[in-house]
Amino acid sequence: MIHWHTPTPPEAPFYASIFNYYLADKLDGYQAYDEKTLELVKEMPGYLGYESMKQDGRGMFISYWKDMESIRAWASHPIHEEAKALGIAQWYQSYTSMIAEVGRFHEKK
């Protein structure tokens, strides 16, 4: 389920930043950074919402954004850069990251 930042979902088009990963064994500090970055991202201009799933060491985090400029601003945020460096160095066994434009969106609750 998507956790939208506003009471109503945005209208397409918007962007999805998709991060798929397998966790490594060494996770020191991972949970704290996960919570910290989730709180920070909610304050970023252009942030629309997120969805996240984790199971058996595999995870997916999708954040939704108004435009590419907003995604670039988040990508260069100092705390996010720290988290990415730590992820590469120790938290992720492997990962993929991609950005896609959402041209249509429908939701049924």
N, C-alpha and C. Protein backbone atom coordinates (compact mmCIF):
# COMPACT_ATOMS: atom_id res chain seq x y z
N MET A 1 0.85 -1.18 0.00
CA MET A 1 0.00 0.00 0.00
C MET A 1 0.89 1.24 0.00
N ILE A 2 0.51 2.20 -0.78
CA ILE A 2 1.29 3.44 -0.88
C ILE A 2 0.88 4.38 0.26
N HIS A 3 1.88 4.95 0.91
CA HIS A 3 1.67 5.95 1.95
C HIS A 3 1.86 7.32 1.31
N TRP A 4 0.75 7.92 0.86
CA TRP A 4 0.84 9.23 0.20
C TRP A 4 1.11 10.31 1.24
N HIS A 5 1.82 11.32 0.82
CA HIS A 5 2.18 12.44 1.69
C HIS A 5 1.00 13.38 1.93
N THR A 6 0.02 13.33 1.06
CA THR A 6 -1.19 14.15 1.18
C THR A 6 -2.40 13.21 1.24
N PRO A 7 -3.54 13.71 1.67
CA PRO A 7 -4.73 12.84 1.77
C PRO A 7 -5.20 12.23 0.45
N THR A 8 -4.91 12.89 -0.67
CA THR A 8 -5.32 12.34 -1.96
C THR A 8 -4.08 12.07 -2.81
N PRO A 9 -4.09 11.00 -3.60
CA PRO A 9 -2.95 10.69 -4.46
C PRO A 9 -2.74 11.77 -5.51
N PRO A 10 -1.52 11.91 -6.00
CA PRO A 10 -1.25 12.89 -7.05
C PRO A 10 -1.82 12.42 -8.39
N GLU A 11 -1.95 13.34 -9.29
CA GLU A 11 -2.34 12.98 -10.65
C GLU A 11 -1.09 12.73 -11.46
N ALA A 12 -1.14 11.72 -12.31
CA ALA A 12 -0.02 11.44 -13.21
C ALA A 12 0.07 12.55 -14.25
N PRO A 13 1.25 12.82 -14.75
CA PRO A 13 2.47 12.06 -14.54
C PRO A 13 3.23 12.48 -13.27
N PHE A 14 3.92 11.50 -12.70
CA PHE A 14 4.87 11.74 -11.63
C PHE A 14 5.94 10.66 -11.75
N TYR A 15 6.90 10.63 -10.85
CA TYR A 15 8.03 9.72 -10.97
C TYR A 15 8.12 8.75 -9.80
N ALA A 16 8.64 7.57 -10.08
CA ALA A 16 8.89 6.56 -9.06
C ALA A 16 10.39 6.25 -9.04
N SER A 17 10.97 6.32 -7.86
CA SER A 17 12.36 5.92 -7.65
C SER A 17 12.31 4.55 -6.96
N ILE A 18 12.77 3.52 -7.66
CA ILE A 18 12.59 2.13 -7.23
C ILE A 18 13.93 1.56 -6.78
N PHE A 19 13.97 1.09 -5.55
CA PHE A 19 15.20 0.54 -4.97
C PHE A 19 14.91 -0.88 -4.48
N ASN A 20 15.54 -1.87 -5.12
CA ASN A 20 15.42 -3.28 -4.73
C ASN A 20 16.74 -3.72 -4.15
N TYR A 21 16.71 -4.52 -3.08
CA TYR A 21 17.97 -4.88 -2.43
C TYR A 21 17.89 -6.21 -1.69
N TYR A 22 19.09 -6.76 -1.47
CA TYR A 22 19.30 -7.89 -0.57
C TYR A 22 20.21 -7.39 0.53
N LEU A 23 19.80 -7.58 1.77
CA LEU A 23 20.61 -7.12 2.90
C LEU A 23 21.82 -8.02 3.11
N ALA A 24 22.90 -7.40 3.57
CA ALA A 24 24.10 -8.13 3.95
C ALA A 24 23.94 -8.59 5.41
N ASP A 25 24.95 -9.23 5.93
CA ASP A 25 24.90 -9.70 7.32
C ASP A 25 25.20 -8.59 8.32
N LYS A 26 26.05 -7.62 7.94
CA LYS A 26 26.45 -6.56 8.85
C LYS A 26 25.48 -5.38 8.71
N LEU A 27 24.61 -5.21 9.71
CA LEU A 27 23.56 -4.19 9.64
C LEU A 27 23.67 -3.14 10.74
N ASP A 28 24.85 -2.97 11.31
CA ASP A 28 25.04 -1.97 12.37
C ASP A 28 24.60 -0.58 11.88
N GLY A 29 23.65 0.02 12.58
CA GLY A 29 23.18 1.36 12.25
C GLY A 29 22.12 1.42 11.16
N TYR A 30 21.82 0.29 10.54
CA TYR A 30 20.88 0.28 9.42
C TYR A 30 19.49 0.78 9.81
N GLN A 31 18.94 0.24 10.88
CA GLN A 31 17.58 0.61 11.31
C GLN A 31 17.48 2.09 11.63
N ALA A 32 18.48 2.63 12.31
CA ALA A 32 18.46 4.06 12.68
C ALA A 32 18.49 4.94 11.43
N TYR A 33 19.33 4.60 10.45
CA TYR A 33 19.38 5.40 9.22
C TYR A 33 18.10 5.23 8.41
N ASP A 34 17.53 4.04 8.42
CA ASP A 34 16.28 3.79 7.71
C ASP A 34 15.19 4.71 8.24
N GLU A 35 15.06 4.78 9.55
CA GLU A 35 14.05 5.65 10.17
C GLU A 35 14.36 7.13 9.94
N LYS A 36 15.64 7.49 10.07
CA LYS A 36 16.05 8.89 9.90
C LYS A 36 15.78 9.38 8.48
N THR A 37 16.15 8.58 7.47
CA THR A 37 15.94 9.02 6.10
C THR A 37 14.46 9.05 5.73
N LEU A 38 13.67 8.14 6.30
CA LEU A 38 12.24 8.16 6.02
C LEU A 38 11.59 9.43 6.57
N GLU A 39 12.02 9.88 7.72
CA GLU A 39 11.50 11.13 8.27
C GLU A 39 11.98 12.34 7.47
N LEU A 40 13.25 12.34 7.06
CA LEU A 40 13.80 13.45 6.28
C LEU A 40 13.15 13.59 4.91
N VAL A 41 12.93 12.45 4.24
CA VAL A 41 12.38 12.51 2.89
C VAL A 41 11.01 13.17 2.88
N LYS A 42 10.26 13.00 3.94
CA LYS A 42 8.92 13.59 4.02
C LYS A 42 8.95 15.12 4.02
N GLU A 43 10.09 15.70 4.32
CA GLU A 43 10.24 17.17 4.34
C GLU A 43 10.74 17.72 3.01
N MET A 44 11.09 16.85 2.07
CA MET A 44 11.67 17.30 0.81
C MET A 44 10.59 17.84 -0.14
N PRO A 45 10.85 19.00 -0.76
CA PRO A 45 9.92 19.50 -1.77
C PRO A 45 9.79 18.49 -2.92
N GLY A 46 8.58 18.27 -3.37
CA GLY A 46 8.33 17.37 -4.48
C GLY A 46 8.10 15.92 -4.08
N TYR A 47 8.30 15.59 -2.80
CA TYR A 47 8.06 14.23 -2.32
C TYR A 47 6.56 13.97 -2.28
N LEU A 48 6.13 12.81 -2.82
CA LEU A 48 4.71 12.49 -2.90
C LEU A 48 4.28 11.33 -2.00
N GLY A 49 5.18 10.39 -1.74
CA GLY A 49 4.83 9.24 -0.92
C GLY A 49 5.80 8.10 -1.12
N TYR A 50 5.50 6.96 -0.48
CA TYR A 50 6.36 5.79 -0.59
C TYR A 50 5.59 4.51 -0.33
N GLU A 51 6.22 3.41 -0.71
CA GLU A 51 5.79 2.09 -0.30
C GLU A 51 7.04 1.26 -0.09
N SER A 52 6.94 0.30 0.83
CA SER A 52 8.11 -0.47 1.22
C SER A 52 7.69 -1.89 1.59
N MET A 53 8.54 -2.85 1.21
CA MET A 53 8.31 -4.25 1.57
C MET A 53 9.65 -4.88 1.92
N LYS A 54 9.63 -5.72 2.95
CA LYS A 54 10.83 -6.47 3.34
C LYS A 54 10.42 -7.89 3.72
N GLN A 55 11.20 -8.86 3.25
CA GLN A 55 10.94 -10.24 3.62
C GLN A 55 12.20 -11.06 3.39
N ASP A 56 12.60 -11.78 4.42
CA ASP A 56 13.73 -12.71 4.33
C ASP A 56 14.99 -12.07 3.74
N GLY A 57 15.32 -10.87 4.19
CA GLY A 57 16.54 -10.21 3.75
C GLY A 57 16.45 -9.51 2.41
N ARG A 58 15.30 -9.57 1.77
CA ARG A 58 15.09 -8.88 0.50
C ARG A 58 14.13 -7.74 0.74
N GLY A 59 14.37 -6.61 0.09
CA GLY A 59 13.49 -5.47 0.27
C GLY A 59 13.29 -4.68 -1.00
N MET A 60 12.26 -3.84 -0.95
CA MET A 60 11.97 -2.92 -2.02
C MET A 60 11.43 -1.64 -1.40
N PHE A 61 11.96 -0.51 -1.83
CA PHE A 61 11.47 0.78 -1.38
C PHE A 61 11.22 1.62 -2.63
N ILE A 62 10.00 2.09 -2.77
CA ILE A 62 9.65 2.95 -3.91
C ILE A 62 9.21 4.29 -3.34
N SER A 63 9.88 5.34 -3.77
CA SER A 63 9.44 6.68 -3.39
C SER A 63 8.88 7.35 -4.63
N TYR A 64 7.88 8.21 -4.42
CA TYR A 64 7.19 8.87 -5.52
C TYR A 64 7.46 10.36 -5.45
N TRP A 65 7.67 10.95 -6.62
CA TRP A 65 8.13 12.34 -6.71
C TRP A 65 7.41 13.11 -7.80
N LYS A 66 7.30 14.40 -7.57
CA LYS A 66 6.65 15.31 -8.52
C LYS A 66 7.44 15.40 -9.82
N ASP A 67 8.79 15.48 -9.72
CA ASP A 67 9.62 15.69 -10.91
C ASP A 67 11.05 15.20 -10.65
N MET A 68 11.84 15.19 -11.72
CA MET A 68 13.23 14.74 -11.63
C MET A 68 14.08 15.68 -10.77
N GLU A 69 13.79 16.95 -10.80
CA GLU A 69 14.54 17.91 -9.98
C GLU A 69 14.41 17.55 -8.49
N SER A 70 13.24 17.15 -8.06
CA SER A 70 13.02 16.75 -6.66
C SER A 70 13.81 15.49 -6.33
N ILE A 71 13.85 14.55 -7.25
CA ILE A 71 14.61 13.32 -7.04
C ILE A 71 16.10 13.64 -6.91
N ARG A 72 16.60 14.51 -7.78
CA ARG A 72 18.02 14.89 -7.72
C ARG A 72 18.35 15.60 -6.41
N ALA A 73 17.44 16.43 -5.93
CA ALA A 73 17.68 17.13 -4.65
C ALA A 73 17.77 16.12 -3.51
N TRP A 74 16.90 15.12 -3.50
CA TRP A 74 16.95 14.10 -2.46
C TRP A 74 18.23 13.25 -2.60
N ALA A 75 18.59 12.91 -3.81
CA ALA A 75 19.79 12.10 -4.04
C ALA A 75 21.05 12.78 -3.52
N SER A 76 21.06 14.12 -3.53
CA SER A 76 22.25 14.85 -3.08
C SER A 76 22.14 15.37 -1.65
N HIS A 77 21.07 15.03 -0.94
CA HIS A 77 20.94 15.44 0.47
C HIS A 77 22.06 14.76 1.27
N PRO A 78 22.78 15.50 2.13
CA PRO A 78 23.93 14.93 2.84
C PRO A 78 23.63 13.67 3.65
N ILE A 79 22.49 13.61 4.33
CA ILE A 79 22.16 12.42 5.12
C ILE A 79 21.86 11.24 4.21
N HIS A 80 21.19 11.51 3.10
CA HIS A 80 20.91 10.44 2.15
C HIS A 80 22.21 9.94 1.52
N GLU A 81 23.13 10.85 1.22
CA GLU A 81 24.43 10.44 0.68
C GLU A 81 25.19 9.57 1.68
N GLU A 82 25.14 9.93 2.96
CA GLU A 82 25.78 9.10 4.00
C GLU A 82 25.16 7.71 4.03
N ALA A 83 23.84 7.65 4.00
CA ALA A 83 23.14 6.36 4.03
C ALA A 83 23.51 5.51 2.82
N LYS A 84 23.58 6.13 1.64
CA LYS A 84 23.95 5.38 0.44
C LYS A 84 25.37 4.83 0.55
N ALA A 85 26.29 5.62 1.06
CA ALA A 85 27.68 5.17 1.22
C ALA A 85 27.77 3.99 2.19
N LEU A 86 27.05 4.09 3.29
CA LEU A 86 27.04 2.99 4.27
C LEU A 86 26.38 1.74 3.67
N GLY A 87 25.34 1.95 2.89
CA GLY A 87 24.68 0.82 2.24
C GLY A 87 25.62 0.08 1.31
N ILE A 88 26.36 0.83 0.50
CA ILE A 88 27.31 0.22 -0.42
C ILE A 88 28.42 -0.49 0.34
N ALA A 89 28.91 0.15 1.41
CA ALA A 89 30.04 -0.39 2.16
C ALA A 89 29.68 -1.61 3.00
N GLN A 90 28.45 -1.64 3.57
CA GLN A 90 28.18 -2.73 4.50
C GLN A 90 26.77 -3.29 4.53
N TRP A 91 25.73 -2.52 4.25
CA TRP A 91 24.37 -3.00 4.49
C TRP A 91 23.77 -3.83 3.38
N TYR A 92 24.17 -3.59 2.12
CA TYR A 92 23.55 -4.28 1.00
C TYR A 92 24.50 -5.29 0.37
N GLN A 93 24.02 -6.50 0.26
CA GLN A 93 24.75 -7.53 -0.46
C GLN A 93 24.71 -7.21 -1.95
N SER A 94 23.55 -6.78 -2.42
CA SER A 94 23.37 -6.33 -3.80
C SER A 94 22.14 -5.45 -3.87
N TYR A 95 22.06 -4.63 -4.91
CA TYR A 95 20.87 -3.78 -5.09
C TYR A 95 20.76 -3.32 -6.53
N THR A 96 19.56 -2.87 -6.87
CA THR A 96 19.32 -2.18 -8.14
C THR A 96 18.53 -0.92 -7.81
N SER A 97 18.77 0.10 -8.60
CA SER A 97 18.08 1.37 -8.43
C SER A 97 17.64 1.86 -9.80
N MET A 98 16.41 2.29 -9.91
CA MET A 98 15.92 2.81 -11.19
C MET A 98 14.87 3.88 -10.96
N ILE A 99 14.68 4.70 -11.96
CA ILE A 99 13.68 5.76 -11.92
C ILE A 99 12.77 5.58 -13.12
N ALA A 100 11.47 5.67 -12.87
CA ALA A 100 10.49 5.50 -13.94
C ALA A 100 9.45 6.61 -13.87
N GLU A 101 8.97 7.01 -15.03
CA GLU A 101 7.87 7.97 -15.08
C GLU A 101 6.56 7.20 -15.03
N VAL A 102 5.67 7.64 -14.15
CA VAL A 102 4.34 7.04 -14.03
C VAL A 102 3.40 7.87 -14.90
N GLY A 103 2.97 7.27 -15.98
CA GLY A 103 2.11 7.99 -16.93
C GLY A 103 0.62 7.85 -16.59
N ARG A 104 0.28 6.76 -15.91
CA ARG A 104 -1.11 6.54 -15.49
C ARG A 104 -1.10 5.99 -14.10
N PHE A 105 -2.14 6.34 -13.33
CA PHE A 105 -2.26 5.83 -11.98
C PHE A 105 -3.74 5.66 -11.64
N HIS A 106 -4.08 4.48 -11.15
CA HIS A 106 -5.45 4.19 -10.68
C HIS A 106 -5.32 3.53 -9.32
N GLU A 107 -6.27 3.80 -8.44
CA GLU A 107 -6.22 3.21 -7.11
C GLU A 107 -7.61 2.80 -6.67
N LYS A 108 -7.71 1.63 -6.06
CA LYS A 108 -8.95 1.18 -5.45
C LYS A 108 -8.64 0.79 -4.01
N LYS A 109 -9.38 1.34 -3.11
CA LYS A 109 -9.15 1.04 -1.69
C LYS A 109 -10.27 0.18 -1.15
